[in-house]
Amino acid sequence: MTLLEDIQNSAIDSQSDLGTLLRKCKLLAARLGSQPLEEFLLWESNGYPDDVEVPDYRIWSLEVKGHFAGPFQSGLRNAPVPLACLPEKGRESYERYKCRYSIASIEAILEKCKTGNVQVSTGDLSLVLGTNVYEHQNCIQAWAEFGTSHLVELLNVVRNRILDFALALWKEAPMAGDAYDGATKLVESKRVTQIFNTKIFGGSANVLGTVDSSISEINVGLNDLLSLERVLKEKGVLEQDLDELRKAVDVEGKLKVKNGFGPKISSWIAKMMGKAADGSWNIGVGAAGNLLSQVIAKYYGL
């Protein structure tokens, strides 16, 4: 079996160790003299440094949540924080989170993670948010998170792109990277790099998570209550809950950005999060928070 065939078989086998597959590819890259391929394998194996740009499949948005406390022992727990409420200067790091973990670290996270979500440190974000998210509610703790489905898809993309690369190279030089008649059968390193750029970085990966948590196609117009209701109804929100939302929107009127969501909207969001948690609304808690914060923010033009 040639090295290329061994790599192909390992890439096809979903149960094979991805770290071992990367090491086999490192051997291939060294024999073929392709520096871009060697660097890619190095970063995937050891993690991406801050000064190295990550591939497209390692970029996605984060969901920000927080605990809030208000007067008379009122408060909200695990409440979604719209990205529009974050400081504009640092917002991009949440909108386009760059995952720099090594493949081994990602596999370890998936092995240990039991909640379906991975938390990301936000530093002193709670102090920055203060009372700017929910009216009369002060943020006492804030964090960001993303679903483990992103990491599962990341591993899948790496495996698939390595397979695509190995197959394309094998079609041109089946013995590439192997000893042949006492010599090493090589393909030009320039050509290897061309195939690498096409198959590894030329593909596209839509890392959107589960269907429930993906809101890329949600269309809610500014102050368009009908479009807001339609989207929520499609996501399983009951008519009685929509009726409560209508009343909350009617009572609070236009949102003042500096004050955050008003008490009626805040209470409605908290109630719906509770329904997601106890199963009376058939949607994951993470997906519910993402959905509610985004669609209501779109309604208010945030």
C-alpha atoms as a PDB file:
ATOM      1  CA  MET A   1       0.000   0.000   0.000  1.00  0.00           C
ATOM      2  CA  THR A   2       1.397   3.401  -0.933  1.00  0.00           C
ATOM      3  CA  LEU A   3       1.498   6.327   1.487  1.00  0.00           C
ATOM      4  CA  LEU A   4      -1.185   8.120  -0.524  1.00  0.00           C
ATOM      5  CA  GLU A   5      -3.462   5.068  -0.388  1.00  0.00           C
ATOM      6  CA  ASP A   6      -2.849   4.758   3.357  1.00  0.00           C
ATOM      7  CA  ILE A   7      -3.837   8.413   3.810  1.00  0.00           C
ATOM      8  CA  GLN A   8      -6.951   7.937   1.691  1.00  0.00           C
ATOM      9  CA  ASN A   9      -8.057   4.885   3.695  1.00  0.00           C
ATOM     10  CA  SER A  10      -7.505   6.685   7.002  1.00  0.00           C
ATOM     11  CA  ALA A  11      -9.444   9.738   5.779  1.00  0.00           C
ATOM     12  CA  ILE A  12     -12.370   7.571   4.678  1.00  0.00           C
ATOM     13  CA  ASP A  13     -12.550   5.729   8.011  1.00  0.00           C
ATOM     14  CA  SER A  14     -14.463   8.037  10.368  1.00  0.00           C
ATOM     15  CA  GLN A  15     -13.254   5.960  13.320  1.00  0.00           C
ATOM     16  CA  SER A  16      -9.580   6.443  12.515  1.00  0.00           C
ATOM     17  CA  ASP A  17      -7.551   8.829  14.656  1.00  0.00           C
ATOM     18  CA  LEU A  18      -7.352  12.253  13.002  1.00  0.00           C
ATOM     19  CA  GLY A  19      -4.076  13.059  14.756  1.00  0.00           C
ATOM     20  CA  THR A  20      -2.464   9.979  13.203  1.00  0.00           C
ATOM     21  CA  LEU A  21      -3.834  10.985   9.807  1.00  0.00           C
ATOM     22  CA  LEU A  22      -2.214  14.416  10.162  1.00  0.00           C
ATOM     23  CA  ARG A  23       1.129  12.816  11.015  1.00  0.00           C
ATOM     24  CA  LYS A  24       0.952  10.650   7.888  1.00  0.00           C
ATOM     25  CA  CYS A  25       0.277  13.786   5.885  1.00  0.00           C
ATOM     26  CA  LYS A  26       3.280  15.484   7.528  1.00  0.00           C
ATOM     27  CA  LEU A  27       5.445  12.647   6.236  1.00  0.00           C
ATOM     28  CA  LEU A  28       3.998  13.113   2.757  1.00  0.00           C
ATOM     29  CA  ALA A  29       4.518  16.881   2.868  1.00  0.00           C
ATOM     30  CA  ALA A  30       8.150  16.486   3.939  1.00  0.00           C
ATOM     31  CA  ARG A  31       8.859  14.054   1.106  1.00  0.00           C
ATOM     32  CA  LEU A  32       7.194  16.286  -1.473  1.00  0.00           C
ATOM     33  CA  GLY A  33       8.755  19.519  -0.225  1.00  0.00           C
ATOM     34  CA  SER A  34       5.523  21.513   0.016  1.00  0.00           C
ATOM     35  CA  GLN A  35       5.925  24.252   2.629  1.00  0.00           C
ATOM     36  CA  PRO A  36       2.269  25.462   2.545  1.00  0.00           C
ATOM     37  CA  LEU A  37       1.083  21.896   3.144  1.00  0.00           C
ATOM     38  CA  GLU A  38       3.612  21.450   5.971  1.00  0.00           C
ATOM     39  CA  GLU A  39       2.481  24.696   7.628  1.00  0.00           C
ATOM     40  CA  PHE A  40      -1.192  23.758   7.366  1.00  0.00           C
ATOM     41  CA  LEU A  41      -0.531  20.398   9.013  1.00  0.00           C
ATOM     42  CA  LEU A  42       1.602  22.071  11.699  1.00  0.00           C
ATOM     43  CA  TRP A  43      -1.122  24.548  12.642  1.00  0.00           C
ATOM     44  CA  GLU A  44      -3.879  21.926  12.606  1.00  0.00           C
ATOM     45  CA  SER A  45      -1.757  19.667  14.825  1.00  0.00           C
ATOM     46  CA  ASN A  46      -0.443  22.305  17.244  1.00  0.00           C
ATOM     47  CA  GLY A  47      -3.048  25.062  17.033  1.00  0.00           C
ATOM     48  CA  TYR A  48      -3.059  28.360  15.143  1.00  0.00           C
ATOM     49  CA  PRO A  49      -0.930  31.207  16.624  1.00  0.00           C
ATOM     50  CA  ASP A  50      -2.499  34.657  16.892  1.00  0.00           C
ATOM     51  CA  ASP A  51      -0.463  35.951  13.963  1.00  0.00           C
ATOM     52  CA  VAL A  52      -1.643  33.201  11.585  1.00  0.00           C
ATOM     53  CA  GLU A  53      -4.976  33.538   9.791  1.00  0.00           C
ATOM     54  CA  VAL A  54      -7.295  30.578  10.343  1.00  0.00           C
ATOM     55  CA  PRO A  55      -9.131  28.796   7.475  1.00  0.00           C
ATOM     56  CA  ASP A  56     -12.773  29.618   6.752  1.00  0.00           C
ATOM     57  CA  TYR A  57     -14.096  26.488   8.466  1.00  0.00           C
ATOM     58  CA  ARG A  58     -12.647  27.690  11.770  1.00  0.00           C
ATOM     59  CA  ILE A  59     -14.692  30.914  11.837  1.00  0.00           C
ATOM     60  CA  TRP A  60     -18.230  31.267  13.189  1.00  0.00           C
ATOM     61  CA  SER A  61     -20.307  33.564  15.408  1.00  0.00           C
ATOM     62  CA  LEU A  62     -20.646  33.251  19.162  1.00  0.00           C
ATOM     63  CA  GLU A  63     -23.761  33.493  21.277  1.00  0.00           C
ATOM     64  CA  VAL A  64     -23.374  35.849  24.239  1.00  0.00           C
ATOM     65  CA  LYS A  65     -25.354  35.254  27.424  1.00  0.00           C
ATOM     66  CA  GLY A  66     -25.437  36.689  30.891  1.00  0.00           C
ATOM     67  CA  HIS A  67     -26.929  36.739  34.363  1.00  0.00           C
ATOM     68  CA  PHE A  68     -28.706  39.975  35.287  1.00  0.00           C
ATOM     69  CA  ALA A  69     -29.903  41.387  38.610  1.00  0.00           C
ATOM     70  CA  GLY A  70     -32.473  44.119  39.182  1.00  0.00           C
ATOM     71  CA  PRO A  71     -34.478  45.830  41.904  1.00  0.00           C
ATOM     72  CA  PHE A  72     -36.703  43.941  44.315  1.00  0.00           C
ATOM     73  CA  GLN A  73     -34.783  40.693  43.789  1.00  0.00           C
ATOM     74  CA  SER A  74     -35.719  40.598  40.115  1.00  0.00           C
ATOM     75  CA  GLY A  75     -33.316  39.198  37.578  1.00  0.00           C
ATOM     76  CA  LEU A  76     -32.647  37.087  34.522  1.00  0.00           C
ATOM     77  CA  ARG A  77     -30.425  34.053  34.235  1.00  0.00           C
ATOM     78  CA  ASN A  78     -28.861  32.687  31.054  1.00  0.00           C
ATOM     79  CA  ALA A  79     -30.427  35.572  29.165  1.00  0.00           C
ATOM     80  CA  PRO A  80     -29.299  36.166  25.558  1.00  0.00           C
ATOM     81  CA  VAL A  81     -27.306  39.308  24.803  1.00  0.00           C
ATOM     82  CA  PRO A  82     -27.738  40.632  21.240  1.00  0.00           C
ATOM     83  CA  LEU A  83     -24.418  41.221  19.527  1.00  0.00           C
ATOM     84  CA  ALA A  84     -25.643  44.727  18.720  1.00  0.00           C
ATOM     85  CA  CYS A  85     -25.391  45.529  22.441  1.00  0.00           C
ATOM     86  CA  LEU A  86     -21.671  44.781  22.504  1.00  0.00           C
ATOM     87  CA  PRO A  87     -19.103  47.550  22.116  1.00  0.00           C
ATOM     88  CA  GLU A  88     -18.534  48.125  18.419  1.00  0.00           C
ATOM     89  CA  LYS A  89     -14.758  48.015  18.827  1.00  0.00           C
ATOM     90  CA  GLY A  90     -14.699  44.405  20.026  1.00  0.00           C
ATOM     91  CA  ARG A  91     -17.879  43.110  18.387  1.00  0.00           C
ATOM     92  CA  GLU A  92     -16.143  41.441  15.455  1.00  0.00           C
ATOM     93  CA  SER A  93     -14.401  38.945  17.735  1.00  0.00           C
ATOM     94  CA  TYR A  94     -17.859  37.640  18.654  1.00  0.00           C
ATOM     95  CA  GLU A  95     -19.377  37.922  15.185  1.00  0.00           C
ATOM     96  CA  ARG A  96     -16.372  36.173  13.621  1.00  0.00           C
ATOM     97  CA  TYR A  97     -14.897  34.002  16.333  1.00  0.00           C
ATOM     98  CA  LYS A  98     -11.670  32.315  15.203  1.00  0.00           C
ATOM     99  CA  CYS A  99     -11.133  28.847  16.624  1.00  0.00           C
ATOM    100  CA  ARG A 100      -7.383  28.321  17.126  1.00  0.00           C
ATOM    101  CA  TYR A 101      -7.475  25.038  19.057  1.00  0.00           C
ATOM    102  CA  SER A 102      -5.351  22.128  17.853  1.00  0.00           C
ATOM    103  CA  ILE A 103      -7.133  19.047  16.513  1.00  0.00           C
ATOM    104  CA  ALA A 104      -6.136  17.120  19.652  1.00  0.00           C
ATOM    105  CA  SER A 105      -7.588  19.860  21.887  1.00  0.00           C
ATOM    106  CA  ILE A 106     -10.827  19.875  19.918  1.00  0.00           C
ATOM    107  CA  GLU A 107     -11.185  16.114  20.250  1.00  0.00           C
ATOM    108  CA  ALA A 108     -10.528  16.420  24.004  1.00  0.00           C
ATOM    109  CA  ILE A 109     -13.179  19.136  24.336  1.00  0.00           C
ATOM    110  CA  LEU A 110     -15.745  16.982  22.552  1.00  0.00           C
ATOM    111  CA  GLU A 111     -14.848  14.055  24.787  1.00  0.00           C
ATOM    112  CA  LYS A 112     -15.425  16.055  27.985  1.00  0.00           C
ATOM    113  CA  CYS A 113     -18.206  18.438  26.974  1.00  0.00           C
ATOM    114  CA  LYS A 114     -21.576  17.189  28.204  1.00  0.00           C
ATOM    115  CA  THR A 115     -23.753  20.285  27.724  1.00  0.00           C
ATOM    116  CA  GLY A 116     -23.532  20.644  23.937  1.00  0.00           C
ATOM    117  CA  ASN A 117     -21.967  24.102  24.302  1.00  0.00           C
ATOM    118  CA  VAL A 118     -18.407  25.358  24.745  1.00  0.00           C
ATOM    119  CA  GLN A 119     -17.833  28.556  26.727  1.00  0.00           C
ATOM    120  CA  VAL A 120     -15.403  31.260  25.647  1.00  0.00           C
ATOM    121  CA  SER A 121     -13.977  33.796  28.090  1.00  0.00           C
ATOM    122  CA  THR A 122     -15.218  37.366  27.662  1.00  0.00           C
ATOM    123  CA  GLY A 123     -13.008  39.096  30.221  1.00  0.00           C
ATOM    124  CA  ASP A 124     -14.772  42.019  31.926  1.00  0.00           C
ATOM    125  CA  LEU A 125     -17.648  42.172  29.435  1.00  0.00           C
ATOM    126  CA  SER A 126     -20.234  42.173  32.239  1.00  0.00           C
ATOM    127  CA  LEU A 127     -18.877  45.523  33.472  1.00  0.00           C
ATOM    128  CA  VAL A 128     -19.038  46.943  29.958  1.00  0.00           C
ATOM    129  CA  LEU A 129     -22.637  45.794  29.425  1.00  0.00           C
ATOM    130  CA  GLY A 130     -23.911  47.102  32.764  1.00  0.00           C
ATOM    131  CA  THR A 131     -27.572  48.063  32.325  1.00  0.00           C
ATOM    132  CA  ASN A 132     -27.360  48.524  28.548  1.00  0.00           C
ATOM    133  CA  VAL A 133     -29.024  45.226  27.626  1.00  0.00           C
ATOM    134  CA  TYR A 134     -32.168  44.878  29.751  1.00  0.00           C
ATOM    135  CA  GLU A 135     -33.826  47.881  31.314  1.00  0.00           C
ATOM    136  CA  HIS A 136     -33.259  48.179  35.075  1.00  0.00           C
ATOM    137  CA  GLN A 137     -31.225  44.964  34.982  1.00  0.00           C
ATOM    138  CA  ASN A 138     -27.492  45.041  35.673  1.00  0.00           C
ATOM    139  CA  CYS A 139     -25.257  42.413  34.090  1.00  0.00           C
ATOM    140  CA  ILE A 140     -23.394  40.577  36.863  1.00  0.00           C
ATOM    141  CA  GLN A 141     -21.851  37.853  34.715  1.00  0.00           C
ATOM    142  CA  ALA A 142     -21.378  37.432  30.964  1.00  0.00           C
ATOM    143  CA  TRP A 143     -19.919  34.752  28.762  1.00  0.00           C
ATOM    144  CA  ALA A 144     -19.898  33.611  25.147  1.00  0.00           C
ATOM    145  CA  GLU A 145     -20.508  30.120  23.856  1.00  0.00           C
ATOM    146  CA  PHE A 146     -20.931  28.040  20.732  1.00  0.00           C
ATOM    147  CA  GLY A 147     -22.391  24.622  20.023  1.00  0.00           C
ATOM    148  CA  THR A 148     -20.137  21.582  19.853  1.00  0.00           C
ATOM    149  CA  SER A 149     -21.632  20.943  16.411  1.00  0.00           C
ATOM    150  CA  HIS A 150     -19.154  23.549  15.124  1.00  0.00           C
ATOM    151  CA  LEU A 151     -16.242  21.460  16.373  1.00  0.00           C
ATOM    152  CA  VAL A 152     -17.701  18.240  14.990  1.00  0.00           C
ATOM    153  CA  GLU A 153     -18.090  19.899  11.602  1.00  0.00           C
ATOM    154  CA  LEU A 154     -14.564  21.322  11.802  1.00  0.00           C
ATOM    155  CA  LEU A 155     -13.092  17.839  12.262  1.00  0.00           C
ATOM    156  CA  ASN A 156     -15.254  16.553   9.422  1.00  0.00           C
ATOM    157  CA  VAL A 157     -14.092  19.338   7.086  1.00  0.00           C
ATOM    158  CA  VAL A 158     -10.403  18.697   7.857  1.00  0.00           C
ATOM    159  CA  ARG A 159     -10.830  14.983   7.166  1.00  0.00           C
ATOM    160  CA  ASN A 160     -12.747  15.606   3.920  1.00  0.00           C
ATOM    161  CA  ARG A 161     -10.289  18.166   2.588  1.00  0.00           C
ATOM    162  CA  ILE A 162      -7.323  15.914   3.300  1.00  0.00           C
ATOM    163  CA  LEU A 163      -9.118  13.164   1.388  1.00  0.00           C
ATOM    164  CA  ASP A 164      -9.852  15.483  -1.546  1.00  0.00           C
ATOM    165  CA  PHE A 165      -6.206  16.557  -1.621  1.00  0.00           C
ATOM    166  CA  ALA A 166      -4.878  12.982  -1.451  1.00  0.00           C
ATOM    167  CA  LEU A 167      -7.212  11.830  -4.225  1.00  0.00           C
ATOM    168  CA  ALA A 168      -6.312  14.732  -6.517  1.00  0.00           C
ATOM    169  CA  LEU A 169      -2.596  14.147  -5.964  1.00  0.00           C
ATOM    170  CA  TRP A 170      -2.976  10.387  -6.446  1.00  0.00           C
ATOM    171  CA  LYS A 171      -4.643  10.914  -9.838  1.00  0.00           C
ATOM    172  CA  GLU A 172      -1.570  12.793 -11.074  1.00  0.00           C
ATOM    173  CA  ALA A 173       1.152  10.788  -9.331  1.00  0.00           C
ATOM    174  CA  PRO A 174      -0.044   7.574  -7.631  1.00  0.00           C
ATOM    175  CA  MET A 175       3.420   6.886  -6.175  1.00  0.00           C
ATOM    176  CA  ALA A 176       4.031  10.425  -4.901  1.00  0.00           C
ATOM    177  CA  GLY A 177       5.834  10.293  -1.587  1.00  0.00           C
ATOM    178  CA  ASP A 178       6.933   6.669  -1.950  1.00  0.00           C
ATOM    179  CA  ALA A 179      10.199   4.985  -2.929  1.00  0.00           C
ATOM    180  CA  TYR A 180      10.036   3.666  -6.483  1.00  0.00           C
ATOM    181  CA  ASP A 181      12.859   1.696  -8.135  1.00  0.00           C
ATOM    182  CA  GLY A 182      15.347   2.996  -5.588  1.00  0.00           C
ATOM    183  CA  ALA A 183      14.290   6.605  -6.025  1.00  0.00           C
ATOM    184  CA  THR A 184      11.512   8.744  -4.636  1.00  0.00           C
ATOM    185  CA  LYS A 185       8.757   9.304  -7.155  1.00  0.00           C
ATOM    186  CA  LEU A 186       8.093  13.016  -6.844  1.00  0.00           C
ATOM    187  CA  VAL A 187       5.655  15.474  -8.290  1.00  0.00           C
ATOM    188  CA  GLU A 188       6.861  19.076  -8.482  1.00  0.00           C
ATOM    189  CA  SER A 189       6.391  20.931  -5.201  1.00  0.00           C
ATOM    190  CA  LYS A 190       4.833  23.812  -7.130  1.00  0.00           C
ATOM    191  CA  ARG A 191       2.130  21.483  -8.441  1.00  0.00           C
ATOM    192  CA  VAL A 192       1.582  20.023  -4.954  1.00  0.00           C
ATOM    193  CA  THR A 193       0.997  23.540  -3.646  1.00  0.00           C
ATOM    194  CA  GLN A 194      -1.480  24.240  -6.458  1.00  0.00           C
ATOM    195  CA  ILE A 195      -3.489  21.133  -5.562  1.00  0.00           C
ATOM    196  CA  PHE A 196      -3.230  22.022  -1.879  1.00  0.00           C
ATOM    197  CA  ASN A 197      -4.575  25.545  -2.451  1.00  0.00           C
ATOM    198  CA  THR A 198      -7.455  24.200  -4.519  1.00  0.00           C
ATOM    199  CA  LYS A 199      -8.495  21.283  -2.314  1.00  0.00           C
ATOM    200  CA  ILE A 200      -7.657  22.541   1.180  1.00  0.00           C
ATOM    201  CA  PHE A 201      -8.300  26.282   1.002  1.00  0.00           C
ATOM    202  CA  GLY A 202     -10.348  26.404  -2.193  1.00  0.00           C
ATOM    203  CA  GLY A 203     -13.365  24.567  -0.789  1.00  0.00           C
ATOM    204  CA  SER A 204     -16.205  26.083   1.165  1.00  0.00           C
ATOM    205  CA  ALA A 205     -17.607  25.047   4.488  1.00  0.00           C
ATOM    206  CA  ASN A 206     -20.879  26.293   5.910  1.00  0.00           C
ATOM    207  CA  VAL A 207     -20.315  25.844   9.610  1.00  0.00           C
ATOM    208  CA  LEU A 208     -23.699  26.979  10.860  1.00  0.00           C
ATOM    209  CA  GLY A 209     -24.396  24.438  13.551  1.00  0.00           C
ATOM    210  CA  THR A 210     -27.732  22.694  13.814  1.00  0.00           C
ATOM    211  CA  VAL A 211     -30.790  23.693  11.831  1.00  0.00           C
ATOM    212  CA  ASP A 212     -32.472  25.056  14.944  1.00  0.00           C
ATOM    213  CA  SER A 213     -29.568  27.335  15.827  1.00  0.00           C
ATOM    214  CA  SER A 214     -28.963  28.617  12.318  1.00  0.00           C
ATOM    215  CA  ILE A 215     -30.680  31.957  11.734  1.00  0.00           C
ATOM    216  CA  SER A 216     -28.808  33.094   8.657  1.00  0.00           C
ATOM    217  CA  GLU A 217     -31.991  33.171   6.556  1.00  0.00           C
ATOM    218  CA  ILE A 218     -34.340  34.711   9.121  1.00  0.00           C
ATOM    219  CA  ASN A 219     -35.991  37.812   7.713  1.00  0.00           C
ATOM    220  CA  VAL A 220     -37.459  40.209  10.266  1.00  0.00           C
ATOM    221  CA  GLY A 221     -38.107  43.793   9.228  1.00  0.00           C
ATOM    222  CA  LEU A 222     -37.658  46.913  11.324  1.00  0.00           C
ATOM    223  CA  ASN A 223     -40.784  47.410  13.492  1.00  0.00           C
ATOM    224  CA  ASP A 224     -42.497  44.742  11.361  1.00  0.00           C
ATOM    225  CA  LEU A 225     -44.419  42.792  13.980  1.00  0.00           C
ATOM    226  CA  LEU A 226     -46.012  40.483  11.423  1.00  0.00           C
ATOM    227  CA  SER A 227     -42.634  39.289  10.154  1.00  0.00           C
ATOM    228  CA  LEU A 228     -41.452  38.787  13.746  1.00  0.00           C
ATOM    229  CA  GLU A 229     -44.543  36.736  14.567  1.00  0.00           C
ATOM    230  CA  ARG A 230     -44.198  34.686  11.387  1.00  0.00           C
ATOM    231  CA  VAL A 231     -40.608  33.703  12.142  1.00  0.00           C
ATOM    232  CA  LEU A 232     -41.358  32.805  15.752  1.00  0.00           C
ATOM    233  CA  LYS A 233     -44.415  30.797  14.731  1.00  0.00           C
ATOM    234  CA  GLU A 234     -42.307  28.851  12.241  1.00  0.00           C
ATOM    235  CA  LYS A 235     -39.948  28.042  15.109  1.00  0.00           C
ATOM    236  CA  GLY A 236     -42.749  26.568  17.198  1.00  0.00           C
ATOM    237  CA  VAL A 237     -43.800  29.515  19.381  1.00  0.00           C
ATOM    238  CA  LEU A 238     -47.446  29.081  20.375  1.00  0.00           C
ATOM    239  CA  GLU A 239     -50.166  31.609  19.570  1.00  0.00           C
ATOM    240  CA  GLN A 240     -50.756  32.437  23.245  1.00  0.00           C
ATOM    241  CA  ASP A 241     -47.061  33.282  23.633  1.00  0.00           C
ATOM    242  CA  LEU A 242     -47.172  35.416  20.498  1.00  0.00           C
ATOM    243  CA  ASP A 243     -50.171  37.243  21.956  1.00  0.00           C
ATOM    244  CA  GLU A 244     -48.150  38.038  25.099  1.00  0.00           C
ATOM    245  CA  LEU A 245     -45.317  39.314  22.916  1.00  0.00           C
ATOM    246  CA  ARG A 246     -47.696  41.615  21.018  1.00  0.00           C
ATOM    247  CA  LYS A 247     -48.887  43.109  24.308  1.00  0.00           C
ATOM    248  CA  ALA A 248     -45.312  43.556  25.537  1.00  0.00           C
ATOM    249  CA  VAL A 249     -44.271  45.312  22.327  1.00  0.00           C
ATOM    250  CA  ASP A 250     -47.376  47.513  22.429  1.00  0.00           C
ATOM    251  CA  VAL A 251     -46.770  48.551  26.052  1.00  0.00           C
ATOM    252  CA  GLU A 252     -43.075  49.323  25.630  1.00  0.00           C
ATOM    253  CA  GLY A 253     -43.262  51.052  22.257  1.00  0.00           C
ATOM    254  CA  LYS A 254     -40.015  51.991  20.572  1.00  0.00           C
ATOM    255  CA  LEU A 255     -36.842  50.738  22.166  1.00  0.00           C
ATOM    256  CA  LYS A 256     -34.280  53.188  23.498  1.00  0.00           C
ATOM    257  CA  VAL A 257     -30.975  51.507  22.728  1.00  0.00           C
ATOM    258  CA  LYS A 258     -29.187  52.915  25.771  1.00  0.00           C
ATOM    259  CA  ASN A 259     -31.803  51.364  28.060  1.00  0.00           C
ATOM    260  CA  GLY A 260     -31.793  47.906  26.462  1.00  0.00           C
ATOM    261  CA  PHE A 261     -34.875  45.709  26.240  1.00  0.00           C
ATOM    262  CA  GLY A 262     -37.684  46.892  28.495  1.00  0.00           C
ATOM    263  CA  PRO A 263     -39.065  44.869  31.449  1.00  0.00           C
ATOM    264  CA  LYS A 264     -41.998  43.418  29.468  1.00  0.00           C
ATOM    265  CA  ILE A 265     -39.810  42.141  26.631  1.00  0.00           C
ATOM    266  CA  SER A 266     -37.203  40.932  29.114  1.00  0.00           C
ATOM    267  CA  SER A 267     -39.812  38.982  31.081  1.00  0.00           C
ATOM    268  CA  TRP A 268     -41.199  37.448  27.890  1.00  0.00           C
ATOM    269  CA  ILE A 269     -37.724  36.310  26.787  1.00  0.00           C
ATOM    270  CA  ALA A 270     -37.069  34.822  30.231  1.00  0.00           C
ATOM    271  CA  LYS A 271     -40.375  32.957  30.096  1.00  0.00           C
ATOM    272  CA  MET A 272     -39.620  31.513  26.661  1.00  0.00           C
ATOM    273  CA  MET A 273     -36.144  30.445  27.805  1.00  0.00           C
ATOM    274  CA  GLY A 274     -37.830  28.642  30.672  1.00  0.00           C
ATOM    275  CA  LYS A 275     -40.118  26.857  28.230  1.00  0.00           C
ATOM    276  CA  ALA A 276     -37.136  25.773  26.171  1.00  0.00           C
ATOM    277  CA  ALA A 277     -35.438  24.482  29.315  1.00  0.00           C
ATOM    278  CA  ASP A 278     -38.407  22.432  30.546  1.00  0.00           C
ATOM    279  CA  GLY A 279     -39.258  21.104  27.085  1.00  0.00           C
ATOM    280  CA  SER A 280     -42.627  22.799  26.662  1.00  0.00           C
ATOM    281  CA  TRP A 281     -41.136  24.691  23.706  1.00  0.00           C
ATOM    282  CA  ASN A 282     -39.542  22.114  21.428  1.00  0.00           C
ATOM    283  CA  ILE A 283     -36.197  23.790  20.830  1.00  0.00           C
ATOM    284  CA  GLY A 284     -32.768  23.593  22.451  1.00  0.00           C
ATOM    285  CA  VAL A 285     -31.956  26.194  25.088  1.00  0.00           C
ATOM    286  CA  GLY A 286     -28.938  27.433  23.150  1.00  0.00           C
ATOM    287  CA  ALA A 287     -30.912  27.691  19.924  1.00  0.00           C
ATOM    288  CA  ALA A 288     -33.773  29.445  21.747  1.00  0.00           C
ATOM    289  CA  GLY A 289     -31.487  32.117  23.182  1.00  0.00           C
ATOM    290  CA  ASN A 290     -29.848  32.680  19.819  1.00  0.00           C
ATOM    291  CA  LEU A 291     -33.184  32.904  18.033  1.00  0.00           C
ATOM    292  CA  LEU A 292     -34.906  35.250  20.477  1.00  0.00           C
ATOM    293  CA  SER A 293     -32.025  37.681  20.848  1.00  0.00           C
ATOM    294  CA  GLN A 294     -31.446  37.902  17.110  1.00  0.00           C
ATOM    295  CA  VAL A 295     -35.028  38.243  15.869  1.00  0.00           C
ATOM    296  CA  ILE A 296     -36.024  40.775  18.500  1.00  0.00           C
ATOM    297  CA  ALA A 297     -32.848  42.757  17.870  1.00  0.00           C
ATOM    298  CA  LYS A 298     -33.696  42.759  14.146  1.00  0.00           C
ATOM    299  CA  TYR A 299     -37.225  43.942  14.921  1.00  0.00           C
ATOM    300  CA  TYR A 300     -35.839  46.910  16.845  1.00  0.00           C
ATOM    301  CA  GLY A 301     -33.166  47.574  14.229  1.00  0.00           C
ATOM    302  CA  LEU A 302     -30.203  46.791  16.489  1.00  0.00           C
END
